[in-house]
C-alpha atoms as a PDB file:
ATOM      1  CA  UNK A   1      -3.285 -45.852-155.143  1.00  0.00           C
ATOM      2  CA  UNK A   2      -1.141 -44.740-152.267  1.00  0.00           C
ATOM      3  CA  UNK A   3      -1.289 -41.482-150.379  1.00  0.00           C
ATOM      4  CA  UNK A   4       2.179 -41.021-148.906  1.00  0.00           C
ATOM      5  CA  UNK A   5       4.517 -38.304-147.707  1.00  0.00           C
ATOM      6  CA  UNK A   6       6.148 -35.942-150.162  1.00  0.00           C
ATOM      7  CA  UNK A   7       8.918 -35.014-147.735  1.00  0.00           C
ATOM      8  CA  UNK A   8      10.575 -35.634-144.450  1.00  0.00           C
ATOM      9  CA  UNK A   9       9.268 -32.645-142.505  1.00  0.00           C
ATOM     10  CA  UNK A  10       6.421 -34.510-140.857  1.00  0.00           C
ATOM     11  CA  UNK A  11       8.900 -36.987-139.339  1.00  0.00           C
ATOM     12  CA  UNK A  12      10.154 -34.235-137.029  1.00  0.00           C
ATOM     13  CA  UNK A  13       6.660 -34.117-135.554  1.00  0.00           C
ATOM     14  CA  UNK A  14       6.574 -37.933-135.495  1.00  0.00           C
ATOM     15  CA  UNK A  15       9.700 -38.066-133.376  1.00  0.00           C
ATOM     16  CA  UNK A  16       8.472 -35.299-131.060  1.00  0.00           C
ATOM     17  CA  UNK A  17       5.175 -37.085-130.525  1.00  0.00           C
ATOM     18  CA  UNK A  18       6.954 -40.315-129.687  1.00  0.00           C
ATOM     19  CA  UNK A  19       9.334 -38.641-127.218  1.00  0.00           C
ATOM     20  CA  UNK A  20       6.382 -36.912-125.580  1.00  0.00           C
ATOM     21  CA  UNK A  21       4.763 -40.310-125.142  1.00  0.00           C
ATOM     22  CA  UNK A  22       7.891 -41.773-123.572  1.00  0.00           C
ATOM     23  CA  UNK A  23       8.505 -38.983-121.077  1.00  0.00           C
ATOM     24  CA  UNK A  24       4.978 -37.837-120.275  1.00  0.00           C
ATOM     25  CA  UNK A  25       3.173 -41.147-120.172  1.00  0.00           C
ATOM     26  CA  UNK A  26       1.143 -43.625-122.201  1.00  0.00           C
ATOM     27  CA  UNK A  27      -1.383 -42.349-124.702  1.00  0.00           C
ATOM     28  CA  UNK A  28      -5.034 -43.141-125.007  1.00  0.00           C
ATOM     29  CA  UNK A  29      -5.054 -46.542-126.699  1.00  0.00           C
ATOM     30  CA  UNK A  30      -1.776 -48.162-125.665  1.00  0.00           C
ATOM     31  CA  UNK A  31      -3.465 -50.154-122.923  1.00  0.00           C
ATOM     32  CA  UNK A  32      -6.451 -52.433-123.144  1.00  0.00           C
ATOM     33  CA  UNK A  33      -9.641 -50.416-122.733  1.00  0.00           C
ATOM     34  CA  UNK A  34     -12.836 -52.381-122.147  1.00  0.00           C
ATOM     35  CA  UNK A  35     -16.379 -51.600-123.187  1.00  0.00           C
ATOM     36  CA  UNK A  36     -19.527 -52.612-121.331  1.00  0.00           C
ATOM     37  CA  UNK A  37     -19.250 -56.138-122.710  1.00  0.00           C
ATOM     38  CA  UNK A  38     -15.646 -56.337-121.473  1.00  0.00           C
ATOM     39  CA  UNK A  39     -14.264 -56.581-124.987  1.00  0.00           C
ATOM     40  CA  UNK A  40     -10.854 -55.064-125.523  1.00  0.00           C
ATOM     41  CA  UNK A  41     -11.080 -52.016-127.767  1.00  0.00           C
ATOM     42  CA  UNK A  42      -8.558 -52.046-130.585  1.00  0.00           C
ATOM     43  CA  UNK A  43      -7.905 -49.347-133.175  1.00  0.00           C
ATOM     44  CA  UNK A  44      -6.634 -50.124-136.682  1.00  0.00           C
ATOM     45  CA  UNK A  45      -5.864 -47.382-139.201  1.00  0.00           C
ATOM     46  CA  UNK A  46      -6.348 -48.336-142.825  1.00  0.00           C
ATOM     47  CA  UNK A  47      -3.857 -47.006-145.344  1.00  0.00           C
ATOM     48  CA  UNK A  48      -6.468 -45.773-147.791  1.00  0.00           C
ATOM     49  CA  UNK A  49     -10.189 -45.743-148.369  1.00  0.00           C
ATOM     50  CA  UNK A  50     -11.459 -49.344-148.253  1.00  0.00           C
ATOM     51  CA  UNK A  51     -10.619 -51.484-151.266  1.00  0.00           C
ATOM     52  CA  UNK A  52      -9.938 -55.133-152.082  1.00  0.00           C
ATOM     53  CA  UNK A  53      -6.794 -55.383-149.968  1.00  0.00           C
ATOM     54  CA  UNK A  54      -8.858 -54.682-146.851  1.00  0.00           C
ATOM     55  CA  UNK A  55     -11.406 -57.435-147.497  1.00  0.00           C
ATOM     56  CA  UNK A  56     -10.036 -59.843-144.887  1.00  0.00           C
ATOM     57  CA  UNK A  57     -10.376 -57.256-142.120  1.00  0.00           C
ATOM     58  CA  UNK A  58     -14.016 -56.545-142.920  1.00  0.00           C
ATOM     59  CA  UNK A  59     -14.621 -60.304-143.088  1.00  0.00           C
ATOM     60  CA  UNK A  60     -13.028 -60.823-139.664  1.00  0.00           C
ATOM     61  CA  UNK A  61     -15.268 -58.130-138.211  1.00  0.00           C
ATOM     62  CA  UNK A  62     -18.489 -59.169-139.995  1.00  0.00           C
ATOM     63  CA  UNK A  63     -18.135 -62.877-139.225  1.00  0.00           C
ATOM     64  CA  UNK A  64     -17.335 -62.285-135.562  1.00  0.00           C
ATOM     65  CA  UNK A  65     -13.741 -63.502-135.601  1.00  0.00           C
ATOM     66  CA  UNK A  66     -12.577 -60.437-133.669  1.00  0.00           C
ATOM     67  CA  UNK A  67     -15.457 -60.814-131.227  1.00  0.00           C
ATOM     68  CA  UNK A  68     -14.500 -64.472-130.722  1.00  0.00           C
ATOM     69  CA  UNK A  69     -11.138 -63.198-129.476  1.00  0.00           C
ATOM     70  CA  UNK A  70     -12.940 -60.757-127.159  1.00  0.00           C
ATOM     71  CA  UNK A  71     -11.886 -57.786-129.318  1.00  0.00           C
ATOM     72  CA  UNK A  72     -13.877 -54.735-130.357  1.00  0.00           C
ATOM     73  CA  UNK A  73     -11.920 -53.606-133.424  1.00  0.00           C
ATOM     74  CA  UNK A  74     -12.410 -50.185-134.968  1.00  0.00           C
ATOM     75  CA  UNK A  75     -11.357 -50.195-138.636  1.00  0.00           C
ATOM     76  CA  UNK A  76     -11.230 -46.639-139.809  1.00  0.00           C
ATOM     77  CA  UNK A  77     -10.077 -44.494-142.707  1.00  0.00           C
ATOM     78  CA  UNK A  78      -7.663 -41.818-141.489  1.00  0.00           C
ATOM     79  CA  UNK A  79      -8.216 -38.225-142.498  1.00  0.00           C
ATOM     80  CA  UNK A  80      -4.508 -38.050-143.278  1.00  0.00           C
ATOM     81  CA  UNK A  81      -2.857 -41.394-144.138  1.00  0.00           C
ATOM     82  CA  UNK A  82       0.549 -39.758-143.689  1.00  0.00           C
ATOM     83  CA  UNK A  83      -0.045 -39.882-139.926  1.00  0.00           C
ATOM     84  CA  UNK A  84      -0.187 -43.683-139.671  1.00  0.00           C
ATOM     85  CA  UNK A  85       3.484 -44.267-138.864  1.00  0.00           C
ATOM     86  CA  UNK A  86       3.633 -41.609-136.150  1.00  0.00           C
ATOM     87  CA  UNK A  87       0.342 -42.545-134.481  1.00  0.00           C
ATOM     88  CA  UNK A  88       1.124 -46.256-134.403  1.00  0.00           C
ATOM     89  CA  UNK A  89       4.627 -45.452-133.117  1.00  0.00           C
ATOM     90  CA  UNK A  90       3.123 -43.371-130.308  1.00  0.00           C
ATOM     91  CA  UNK A  91       0.539 -46.026-129.424  1.00  0.00           C
ATOM     92  CA  UNK A  92      -2.438 -43.856-130.319  1.00  0.00           C
ATOM     93  CA  UNK A  93      -3.457 -46.659-132.688  1.00  0.00           C
ATOM     94  CA  UNK A  94      -2.717 -50.278-131.896  1.00  0.00           C
ATOM     95  CA  UNK A  95      -2.244 -51.274-135.535  1.00  0.00           C
ATOM     96  CA  UNK A  96      -1.934 -49.652-138.930  1.00  0.00           C
ATOM     97  CA  UNK A  97      -1.660 -50.696-142.535  1.00  0.00           C
ATOM     98  CA  UNK A  98       1.259 -48.997-144.213  1.00  0.00           C
ATOM     99  CA  UNK A  99       4.166 -49.673-146.581  1.00  0.00           C
ATOM    100  CA  UNK A 100       7.574 -51.264-146.202  1.00  0.00           C
ATOM    101  CA  UNK A 101       9.244 -48.164-147.632  1.00  0.00           C
ATOM    102  CA  UNK A 102       7.537 -45.904-145.085  1.00  0.00           C
ATOM    103  CA  UNK A 103       8.355 -48.311-142.250  1.00  0.00           C
ATOM    104  CA  UNK A 104      12.066 -48.149-143.045  1.00  0.00           C
ATOM    105  CA  UNK A 105      11.849 -44.379-143.386  1.00  0.00           C
ATOM    106  CA  UNK A 106      10.124 -44.120-139.997  1.00  0.00           C
ATOM    107  CA  UNK A 107      12.663 -46.378-138.310  1.00  0.00           C
ATOM    108  CA  UNK A 108      15.490 -44.284-139.746  1.00  0.00           C
ATOM    109  CA  UNK A 109      13.946 -41.332-137.906  1.00  0.00           C
ATOM    110  CA  UNK A 110      13.772 -43.223-134.610  1.00  0.00           C
ATOM    111  CA  UNK A 111      10.117 -44.256-134.625  1.00  0.00           C
ATOM    112  CA  UNK A 112       9.608 -47.712-133.027  1.00  0.00           C
ATOM    113  CA  UNK A 113       7.129 -49.229-135.492  1.00  0.00           C
ATOM    114  CA  UNK A 114       7.356 -52.957-136.181  1.00  0.00           C
ATOM    115  CA  UNK A 115       5.866 -54.930-139.055  1.00  0.00           C
ATOM    116  CA  UNK A 116       4.058 -58.030-137.791  1.00  0.00           C
ATOM    117  CA  UNK A 117       3.039 -59.231-141.257  1.00  0.00           C
ATOM    118  CA  UNK A 118       3.623 -58.601-144.931  1.00  0.00           C
ATOM    119  CA  UNK A 119       0.136 -58.435-146.417  1.00  0.00           C
ATOM    120  CA  UNK A 120       1.354 -58.347-150.040  1.00  0.00           C
ATOM    121  CA  UNK A 121       4.609 -60.118-150.863  1.00  0.00           C
ATOM    122  CA  UNK A 122       5.523 -58.136-153.975  1.00  0.00           C
ATOM    123  CA  UNK A 123       5.342 -54.569-155.332  1.00  0.00           C
ATOM    124  CA  UNK A 124       1.978 -53.471-156.680  1.00  0.00           C
ATOM    125  CA  UNK A 125       3.385 -50.154-157.878  1.00  0.00           C
ATOM    126  CA  UNK A 126       4.060 -50.232-161.630  1.00  0.00           C
ATOM    127  CA  UNK A 127       4.713 -47.925-164.564  1.00  0.00           C
ATOM    128  CA  UNK A 128       1.590 -47.952-166.727  1.00  0.00           C
ATOM    129  CA  UNK A 129       1.068 -46.792-170.298  1.00  0.00           C
ATOM    130  CA  UNK A 130      -1.620 -47.298-172.904  1.00  0.00           C
ATOM    131  CA  UNK A 131      -0.821 -50.152-175.242  1.00  0.00           C
ATOM    132  CA  UNK A 132      -1.140 -47.887-178.258  1.00  0.00           C
ATOM    133  CA  UNK A 133       1.839 -45.855-177.013  1.00  0.00           C
ATOM    134  CA  UNK A 134       4.198 -48.733-177.732  1.00  0.00           C
ATOM    135  CA  UNK A 135       5.972 -48.279-174.396  1.00  0.00           C
ATOM    136  CA  UNK A 136       6.922 -51.799-173.330  1.00  0.00           C
ATOM    137  CA  UNK A 137      10.319 -51.265-171.659  1.00  0.00           C
ATOM    138  CA  UNK A 138      12.074 -48.436-169.795  1.00  0.00           C
ATOM    139  CA  UNK A 139      14.161 -47.313-172.773  1.00  0.00           C
ATOM    140  CA  UNK A 140      10.890 -46.542-174.611  1.00  0.00           C
ATOM    141  CA  UNK A 141      10.311 -43.715-172.107  1.00  0.00           C
ATOM    142  CA  UNK A 142      13.015 -41.573-173.725  1.00  0.00           C
ATOM    143  CA  UNK A 143      11.474 -38.254-174.709  1.00  0.00           C
ATOM    144  CA  UNK A 144       8.218 -39.063-172.872  1.00  0.00           C
ATOM    145  CA  UNK A 145       6.183 -37.361-170.171  1.00  0.00           C
ATOM    146  CA  UNK A 146       5.753 -39.509-167.061  1.00  0.00           C
ATOM    147  CA  UNK A 147       2.979 -38.655-164.612  1.00  0.00           C
ATOM    148  CA  UNK A 148       3.822 -39.003-160.930  1.00  0.00           C
ATOM    149  CA  UNK A 149       2.403 -38.064-157.503  1.00  0.00           C
ATOM    150  CA  UNK A 150       5.984 -36.936-156.745  1.00  0.00           C
ATOM    151  CA  UNK A 151       6.406 -39.322-153.839  1.00  0.00           C
ATOM    152  CA  UNK A 152      10.154 -39.470-153.081  1.00  0.00           C
ATOM    153  CA  UNK A 153      10.295 -43.245-153.428  1.00  0.00           C
ATOM    154  CA  UNK A 154       8.564 -43.118-156.831  1.00  0.00           C
ATOM    155  CA  UNK A 155      11.099 -40.558-158.010  1.00  0.00           C
ATOM    156  CA  UNK A 156      13.884 -42.837-156.754  1.00  0.00           C
ATOM    157  CA  UNK A 157      12.439 -45.811-158.634  1.00  0.00           C
ATOM    158  CA  UNK A 158      12.320 -43.826-161.863  1.00  0.00           C
ATOM    159  CA  UNK A 159      15.861 -42.559-161.488  1.00  0.00           C
ATOM    160  CA  UNK A 160      17.131 -46.062-160.701  1.00  0.00           C
ATOM    161  CA  UNK A 161      15.345 -47.692-163.632  1.00  0.00           C
ATOM    162  CA  UNK A 162      15.803 -45.005-166.266  1.00  0.00           C
ATOM    163  CA  UNK A 163      19.250 -44.040-165.062  1.00  0.00           C
ATOM    164  CA  UNK A 164      20.229 -47.649-165.648  1.00  0.00           C
ATOM    165  CA  UNK A 165      19.217 -47.117-169.263  1.00  0.00           C
ATOM    166  CA  UNK A 166      21.378 -44.016-169.518  1.00  0.00           C
ATOM    167  CA  UNK A 167      18.378 -41.664-169.399  1.00  0.00           C
ATOM    168  CA  UNK A 168      18.461 -38.469-167.363  1.00  0.00           C
ATOM    169  CA  UNK A 169      15.521 -36.605-165.883  1.00  0.00           C
ATOM    170  CA  UNK A 170      14.855 -33.331-167.633  1.00  0.00           C
ATOM    171  CA  UNK A 171      17.001 -33.962-170.685  1.00  0.00           C
ATOM    172  CA  UNK A 172      15.752 -37.426-171.674  1.00  0.00           C
ATOM    173  CA  UNK A 173      12.364 -37.618-169.951  1.00  0.00           C
ATOM    174  CA  UNK A 174       9.998 -35.295-168.107  1.00  0.00           C
ATOM    175  CA  UNK A 175       8.198 -35.970-164.819  1.00  0.00           C
ATOM    176  CA  UNK A 176       4.793 -34.304-164.541  1.00  0.00           C
ATOM    177  CA  UNK A 177       3.090 -33.757-161.177  1.00  0.00           C
ATOM    178  CA  UNK A 178      -0.388 -35.269-161.491  1.00  0.00           C
ATOM    179  CA  UNK A 179      -1.068 -35.511-157.761  1.00  0.00           C
ATOM    180  CA  UNK A 180      -3.115 -38.617-157.060  1.00  0.00           C
ATOM    181  CA  UNK A 181      -5.280 -38.232-160.150  1.00  0.00           C
ATOM    182  CA  UNK A 182      -3.290 -40.975-161.851  1.00  0.00           C
ATOM    183  CA  UNK A 183      -5.696 -42.380-164.428  1.00  0.00           C
ATOM    184  CA  UNK A 184      -7.365 -39.454-166.161  1.00  0.00           C
ATOM    185  CA  UNK A 185      -4.194 -37.707-167.401  1.00  0.00           C
ATOM    186  CA  UNK A 186      -3.126 -40.977-169.010  1.00  0.00           C
ATOM    187  CA  UNK A 187      -6.473 -41.600-170.685  1.00  0.00           C
ATOM    188  CA  UNK A 188      -6.595 -38.036-172.015  1.00  0.00           C
ATOM    189  CA  UNK A 189      -2.961 -38.372-173.215  1.00  0.00           C
ATOM    190  CA  UNK A 190      -1.657 -35.459-171.191  1.00  0.00           C
ATOM    191  CA  UNK A 191       1.116 -37.875-170.208  1.00  0.00           C
ATOM    192  CA  UNK A 192       2.640 -40.903-171.911  1.00  0.00           C
ATOM    193  CA  UNK A 193       3.034 -43.100-168.829  1.00  0.00           C
ATOM    194  CA  UNK A 194       2.452 -42.942-165.092  1.00  0.00           C
ATOM    195  CA  UNK A 195       4.125 -44.306-161.961  1.00  0.00           C
ATOM    196  CA  UNK A 196       2.399 -44.783-158.598  1.00  0.00           C
ATOM    197  CA  UNK A 197      -0.409 -46.862-160.067  1.00  0.00           C
ATOM    198  CA  UNK A 198      -1.234 -50.338-158.805  1.00  0.00           C
ATOM    199  CA  UNK A 199      -1.291 -53.360-161.076  1.00  0.00           C
ATOM    200  CA  UNK A 200      -4.316 -54.628-159.136  1.00  0.00           C
ATOM    201  CA  UNK A 201      -6.323 -51.400-159.168  1.00  0.00           C
ATOM    202  CA  UNK A 202      -5.638 -48.594-161.663  1.00  0.00           C
ATOM    203  CA  UNK A 203      -4.573 -51.080-164.332  1.00  0.00           C
ATOM    204  CA  UNK A 204      -7.891 -52.901-163.949  1.00  0.00           C
ATOM    205  CA  UNK A 205      -9.784 -49.621-163.789  1.00  0.00           C
ATOM    206  CA  UNK A 206      -8.317 -48.555-167.140  1.00  0.00           C
ATOM    207  CA  UNK A 207      -9.062 -51.931-168.709  1.00  0.00           C
ATOM    208  CA  UNK A 208     -12.661 -51.739-167.557  1.00  0.00           C
ATOM    209  CA  UNK A 209     -12.891 -48.463-169.468  1.00  0.00           C
ATOM    210  CA  UNK A 210     -12.027 -50.388-172.623  1.00  0.00           C
ATOM    211  CA  UNK A 211      -8.328 -49.557-172.955  1.00  0.00           C
ATOM    212  CA  UNK A 212      -5.413 -51.986-173.210  1.00  0.00           C
ATOM    213  CA  UNK A 213      -2.322 -51.194-171.155  1.00  0.00           C
ATOM    214  CA  UNK A 214       1.352 -52.039-170.964  1.00  0.00           C
ATOM    215  CA  UNK A 215       2.972 -52.676-167.584  1.00  0.00           C
ATOM    216  CA  UNK A 216       6.587 -52.172-166.540  1.00  0.00           C
ATOM    217  CA  UNK A 217       7.316 -53.884-163.219  1.00  0.00           C
ATOM    218  CA  UNK A 218       9.784 -52.029-161.006  1.00  0.00           C
ATOM    219  CA  UNK A 219      11.438 -55.201-159.720  1.00  0.00           C
ATOM    220  CA  UNK A 220      12.323 -56.278-163.259  1.00  0.00           C
ATOM    221  CA  UNK A 221      14.685 -53.331-163.638  1.00  0.00           C
ATOM    222  CA  UNK A 222      16.804 -53.002-160.516  1.00  0.00           C
ATOM    223  CA  UNK A 223      14.301 -52.063-157.788  1.00  0.00           C
ATOM    224  CA  UNK A 224      14.155 -54.602-154.922  1.00  0.00           C
ATOM    225  CA  UNK A 225      11.232 -57.028-154.755  1.00  0.00           C
ATOM    226  CA  UNK A 226       9.702 -55.367-151.709  1.00  0.00           C
ATOM    227  CA  UNK A 227       6.582 -55.886-149.588  1.00  0.00           C
ATOM    228  CA  UNK A 228       3.976 -53.419-150.844  1.00  0.00           C
ATOM    229  CA  UNK A 229       1.711 -53.546-147.792  1.00  0.00           C
ATOM    230  CA  UNK A 230       2.625 -54.342-144.176  1.00  0.00           C
ATOM    231  CA  UNK A 231       0.696 -54.496-140.902  1.00  0.00           C
ATOM    232  CA  UNK A 232       2.343 -52.415-138.187  1.00  0.00           C
ATOM    233  CA  UNK A 233       2.288 -52.182-134.428  1.00  0.00           C
ATOM    234  CA  UNK A 234       4.842 -50.673-132.031  1.00  0.00           C
ATOM    235  CA  UNK A 235       7.603 -51.969-129.792  1.00  0.00           C
ATOM    236  CA  UNK A 236       5.839 -50.989-126.569  1.00  0.00           C
ATOM    237  CA  UNK A 237       2.724 -53.023-127.345  1.00  0.00           C
ATOM    238  CA  UNK A 238       4.880 -56.013-128.277  1.00  0.00           C
ATOM    239  CA  UNK A 239       6.660 -55.782-124.930  1.00  0.00           C
ATOM    240  CA  UNK A 240       3.651 -55.026-122.721  1.00  0.00           C
ATOM    241  CA  UNK A 241       0.720 -56.839-124.337  1.00  0.00           C
ATOM    242  CA  UNK A 242       1.827 -59.535-126.796  1.00  0.00           C
ATOM    243  CA  UNK A 243      -1.364 -61.492-126.058  1.00  0.00           C
ATOM    244  CA  UNK A 244      -3.446 -58.697-127.570  1.00  0.00           C
ATOM    245  CA  UNK A 245      -1.415 -58.915-130.768  1.00  0.00           C
ATOM    246  CA  UNK A 246      -1.803 -62.692-130.923  1.00  0.00           C
ATOM    247  CA  UNK A 247      -5.566 -62.471-130.471  1.00  0.00           C
ATOM    248  CA  UNK A 248      -5.845 -59.816-133.136  1.00  0.00           C
ATOM    249  CA  UNK A 249      -3.700 -61.789-135.568  1.00  0.00           C
ATOM    250  CA  UNK A 250      -5.619 -65.031-135.012  1.00  0.00           C
ATOM    251  CA  UNK A 251      -8.880 -63.292-135.846  1.00  0.00           C
ATOM    252  CA  UNK A 252      -7.498 -61.312-138.795  1.00  0.00           C
ATOM    253  CA  UNK A 253      -5.907 -64.431-140.293  1.00  0.00           C
ATOM    254  CA  UNK A 254      -9.183 -66.317-140.008  1.00  0.00           C
ATOM    255  CA  UNK A 255     -10.623 -63.503-142.086  1.00  0.00           C
ATOM    256  CA  UNK A 256      -7.746 -63.814-144.526  1.00  0.00           C
ATOM    257  CA  UNK A 257      -8.162 -67.576-144.842  1.00  0.00           C
ATOM    258  CA  UNK A 258     -11.887 -67.157-145.467  1.00  0.00           C
ATOM    259  CA  UNK A 259     -11.177 -64.480-148.077  1.00  0.00           C
ATOM    260  CA  UNK A 260      -8.767 -66.748-149.928  1.00  0.00           C
ATOM    261  CA  UNK A 261     -11.021 -69.795-149.854  1.00  0.00           C
ATOM    262  CA  UNK A 262     -14.368 -67.996-150.363  1.00  0.00           C
ATOM    263  CA  UNK A 263     -13.490 -64.864-152.366  1.00  0.00           C
ATOM    264  CA  UNK A 264     -16.988 -64.285-153.741  1.00  0.00           C
ATOM    265  CA  UNK A 265     -18.620 -64.350-150.310  1.00  0.00           C
ATOM    266  CA  UNK A 266     -15.809 -62.268-148.856  1.00  0.00           C
ATOM    267  CA  UNK A 267     -16.280 -59.705-151.620  1.00  0.00           C
ATOM    268  CA  UNK A 268     -19.961 -59.395-150.782  1.00  0.00           C
ATOM    269  CA  UNK A 269     -19.020 -58.577-147.198  1.00  0.00           C
ATOM    270  CA  UNK A 270     -16.618 -55.869-148.396  1.00  0.00           C
ATOM    271  CA  UNK A 271     -19.273 -54.399-150.704  1.00  0.00           C
ATOM    272  CA  UNK A 272     -21.931 -54.531-147.995  1.00  0.00           C
ATOM    273  CA  UNK A 273     -19.738 -52.440-145.715  1.00  0.00           C
ATOM    274  CA  UNK A 274     -18.507 -50.205-148.554  1.00  0.00           C
ATOM    275  CA  UNK A 275     -21.341 -49.825-151.077  1.00  0.00           C
ATOM    276  CA  UNK A 276     -19.552 -47.108-153.065  1.00  0.00           C
ATOM    277  CA  UNK A 277     -17.000 -49.592-154.368  1.00  0.00           C
ATOM    278  CA  UNK A 278     -17.373 -50.664-157.983  1.00  0.00           C
ATOM    279  CA  UNK A 279     -18.081 -54.405-157.868  1.00  0.00           C
ATOM    280  CA  UNK A 280     -16.358 -55.533-161.071  1.00  0.00           C
ATOM    281  CA  UNK A 281     -13.240 -53.546-160.183  1.00  0.00           C
ATOM    282  CA  UNK A 282     -13.113 -54.834-156.602  1.00  0.00           C
ATOM    283  CA  UNK A 283     -13.765 -58.410-157.744  1.00  0.00           C
ATOM    284  CA  UNK A 284     -10.974 -58.521-160.314  1.00  0.00           C
ATOM    285  CA  UNK A 285      -8.653 -56.755-157.906  1.00  0.00           C
ATOM    286  CA  UNK A 286      -9.252 -59.327-155.171  1.00  0.00           C
ATOM    287  CA  UNK A 287      -8.706 -62.238-157.558  1.00  0.00           C
ATOM    288  CA  UNK A 288      -5.356 -60.798-158.625  1.00  0.00           C
ATOM    289  CA  UNK A 289      -4.316 -59.858-155.087  1.00  0.00           C
ATOM    290  CA  UNK A 290      -4.743 -63.266-153.480  1.00  0.00           C
ATOM    291  CA  UNK A 291      -1.807 -64.963-155.276  1.00  0.00           C
ATOM    292  CA  UNK A 292       0.434 -62.008-154.402  1.00  0.00           C
ATOM    293  CA  UNK A 293      -0.381 -62.491-150.718  1.00  0.00           C
ATOM    294  CA  UNK A 294       0.694 -66.131-150.552  1.00  0.00           C
ATOM    295  CA  UNK A 295       3.291 -66.444-153.314  1.00  0.00           C
ATOM    296  CA  UNK A 296       6.459 -68.385-152.393  1.00  0.00           C
ATOM    297  CA  UNK A 297       6.162 -68.072-148.603  1.00  0.00           C
ATOM    298  CA  UNK A 298       5.839 -70.768-145.913  1.00  0.00           C
ATOM    299  CA  UNK A 299       2.800 -68.976-144.471  1.00  0.00           C
ATOM    300  CA  UNK A 300       0.775 -65.917-145.368  1.00  0.00           C
ATOM    301  CA  UNK A 301       2.328 -62.773-143.942  1.00  0.00           C
ATOM    302  CA  UNK A 302       5.851 -64.198-143.762  1.00  0.00           C
ATOM    303  CA  UNK A 303       8.774 -61.774-143.913  1.00  0.00           C
ATOM    304  CA  UNK A 304      12.502 -62.304-144.431  1.00  0.00           C
ATOM    305  CA  UNK A 305      15.498 -60.381-143.183  1.00  0.00           C
ATOM    306  CA  UNK A 306      16.946 -60.474-146.699  1.00  0.00           C
ATOM    307  CA  UNK A 307      14.050 -58.501-148.217  1.00  0.00           C
ATOM    308  CA  UNK A 308      14.146 -55.904-145.448  1.00  0.00           C
ATOM    309  CA  UNK A 309      17.912 -55.576-145.790  1.00  0.00           C
ATOM    310  CA  UNK A 310      17.798 -55.281-149.563  1.00  0.00           C
ATOM    311  CA  UNK A 311      15.184 -52.520-149.543  1.00  0.00           C
ATOM    312  CA  UNK A 312      16.945 -50.611-146.768  1.00  0.00           C
ATOM    313  CA  UNK A 313      20.244 -50.807-148.679  1.00  0.00           C
ATOM    314  CA  UNK A 314      18.494 -49.511-151.798  1.00  0.00           C
ATOM    315  CA  UNK A 315      16.897 -46.634-149.885  1.00  0.00           C
ATOM    316  CA  UNK A 316      20.283 -45.692-148.435  1.00  0.00           C
ATOM    317  CA  UNK A 317      21.955 -45.829-151.838  1.00  0.00           C
ATOM    318  CA  UNK A 318      19.372 -43.542-153.477  1.00  0.00           C
ATOM    319  CA  UNK A 319      19.267 -41.083-150.583  1.00  0.00           C
ATOM    320  CA  UNK A 320      15.796 -41.840-149.214  1.00  0.00           C
ATOM    321  CA  UNK A 321      17.260 -42.403-145.735  1.00  0.00           C
ATOM    322  CA  UNK A 322      20.350 -41.026-144.003  1.00  0.00           C
ATOM    323  CA  UNK A 323      20.977 -43.857-141.571  1.00  0.00           C
ATOM    324  CA  UNK A 324      20.244 -47.547-141.338  1.00  0.00           C
ATOM    325  CA  UNK A 325      18.342 -49.452-138.668  1.00  0.00           C
ATOM    326  CA  UNK A 326      19.056 -52.949-137.397  1.00  0.00           C
ATOM    327  CA  UNK A 327      16.914 -55.015-139.737  1.00  0.00           C
ATOM    328  CA  UNK A 328      15.747 -57.505-137.116  1.00  0.00           C
ATOM    329  CA  UNK A 329      14.139 -54.673-135.129  1.00  0.00           C
ATOM    330  CA  UNK A 330      11.852 -53.645-137.996  1.00  0.00           C
ATOM    331  CA  UNK A 331       9.838 -56.837-138.381  1.00  0.00           C
ATOM    332  CA  UNK A 332       8.813 -60.054-136.672  1.00  0.00           C
ATOM    333  CA  UNK A 333       7.114 -63.291-137.706  1.00  0.00           C
ATOM    334  CA  UNK A 334       6.417 -64.142-134.050  1.00  0.00           C
ATOM    335  CA  UNK A 335       2.721 -63.320-134.184  1.00  0.00           C
ATOM    336  CA  UNK A 336       1.774 -65.058-137.420  1.00  0.00           C
ATOM    337  CA  UNK A 337      -0.843 -67.724-136.635  1.00  0.00           C
END
């Protein structure tokens, strides 16, 4: 489901862009621009083309919750989702949906992004296989071909899980680059399993095609129970315009509450704004997402220092980052309604 970086090179540009912002001056959207109706213009970058996870944002816009807070919010699909961290860090976008892994990676490179909410409390990324393959646990992957988009974090998850079973890449299993075409190679049996798929999207998509699947959850085999999706802003906006963040969060969380209590009506709003979405897929996805948004937390969006610390420690141990960041600087619960 994700479209993430396959390397660290782009973070050099991220850091340069941020430093340019600091020394040259504020960028286009860091302040509060007003339109003719005196509504504050706000830019939010989605992490992917619209899908069930984004329902609450479209609800907040459609039902006027953003307008009630005097906000004119632009929800848009970026041409390159890899740019989200750097553009939010530089203030070119007020907010962005991204991933906890990418947030920690960005902070390790000096980019001042801050998570103001965990949208999904648990990993969605899973290892999928067709049920007929008989792959039900990591040790069953010995001698198998595993499809992957070759995202560094996905490679790290595989090496952590399969390495714990005594399996070595190349000699005991093969990783095949399938790009982001994750489903078709599995259905055509070019690969035996695939990582990078979401339990609430590709899994459902495959089932709707009439196939049964087996799921291996990363967190069951040594990978931290991380936040899959987080809502980001930057340190400068927190310092200079916290009221804007509070207004945005109040409106967005009204949309989230409506989505959780009226999922069918919320889904219709998502489909109205995004008619290319497959209804049965989006509907099942939303139903399965909602519990993962509110599971075992005092309020929706809640984050803990322990989960940020655990994932950062893991990323350091497997070589995804070269230096650690003070955990308390990477997230805040201050703006949760």
